Amino acid sequence: MKYAISLVLITAASVFAADWPQFHGPNRDNKSLDKGLLKTWPEGGPKRIWETTGIGQGYSTVAIADKRIYTTGSINGDCVITVLDMDGKKLWTKTNGRAWKKSYPGTRSIPTIADGLLYHLSGIGSMACLKAADGSPVWSVDIMKKFGGRNIMWGLAESPLVLDDKVICTPGGAAVSMAALDRKTGKVVWECKGAGDKPGYASPILIEYKGLRQIVTAMSESIVGVRASDGKLLWRYPHKVYADENITTPIFHEGFVIVSGCVRKGTTSLKLEVSGDKCSVKRQWHNRTLDNKQGGIILDEGRLYGYAESGRPMPWTCVDFKSGKTISQSAPVKSSYKYKMGCLTYADGMFYLYADNGNMALAKATDTGFEVTGRLKIKDPGKNPTWAHPVVCGGRLYIRSGDKLGVYNVVGK
């Protein structure tokens, strides 16, 4: 009887999400559903379960679905999708055309897995649909050719958004800004016209507010809202940043959209004003301190957390969601001098902070900044910056560094 009670308590305390099927997880908010994780790490960091190489050069993180791990990398100039089992064994690989080979060569986006199908957009615009089980091709579309798309300085980085029977892509053509494809056939369902901008580097999110469903994403010089049912451009908010580096995926909460930009652009809260099937936005507040570049922002308990590019020597910043006031700035883990960048994820009340030089910290948020409770240094992270966002799923921490993927046990006792 005591054994049975103990087993129930353990089961209740440790709940692990089975899947992380797309960029930033099930809800695209970069927050894991795992519970019962370590709150502190031993010296040297959590125990590494395994590490694999040969996934190619890239900045892509991982997707996890049906006990399989999906990522992408550039191998011999090709954009290669690699699928691993939970022990790190390679199950299959498939090429999605050529990889981005100009400035910062390598892959950016990750596959999205839905109902046994895999969707991936390469850095040069090849949208591929494959069977997730074995990589068999279902359909493919060159969105640059199909929609008159225009590529950007560092290559397309969008991870596809699956919505009902559609998959969304952002070619950023002079005429067609965004498009929805039938996710089983690749045929065009609708086209969004009127934004006029090239693509941004962000991945779109789906939001529903006051009965209106819309897709929100960052374009090269703006943030846009697109009606999900038919592709109608609902609103466009100018958001010009240095070198058109609109990278941070927007956040939606309680009628507000949060966007951020680098080089002192800062973070902005936009209030949605919905009337029937129409919507407009107006600025609620603007915070110049949190100028997030590509590491992402996380909302937790009414506060926004992220890495401020111009925030040195205290770059990790916390901002109040309602007022936009800066609450704290701290330096729990430092980035390299050259790149000055950090990314993060969140699980079970803790933040996982990853710098561009392979340094990671487990940290708890406080009113005065992040309090570090564990550190991990990636050995030989490679010559390129470690920009891939970490993932916590199934009691494991996944860390990408160049051609390597490391997996660590973060389950609590």
Foldseek 3Di string as FASTA:
>chain_A
DVVVVVVVVVPVQWDFFQWQQFCLRDQVQQEGPTGQFDQFADAQGFFFQDKDFDQAFAQAFWTGDPQKIWTWKADPQFIKIWIAGNNRHTDAIDTQGGADDPPRTMFAGIWGDDPQWIWAAHQQAKTFIAGPVYRHGQDIDRCCVVPVADAADRGAREHWDDDDQWIKDARLHQFFGIFIARNRHRHTPATAGDQRAHAEREYWGWDADPRFIWIWFQGLFWIWTAGPPHRYTQETGGHHAPRSQQAAYWDDDDQWIWGAAADQSFIWIWGWDDDPHHIYIDTPDTARLAHAGHQYWHDDPQKIWFAHQPNPPFGTWIAGNRRRHTQETHPPDFADPVPGHWHWGHYNQWIWIAHFQQKIFIWHQDSHGTDTRYIHGDPCLDDGTNNHYWHAGPQWIWGHRTRMIIIGGGRHD
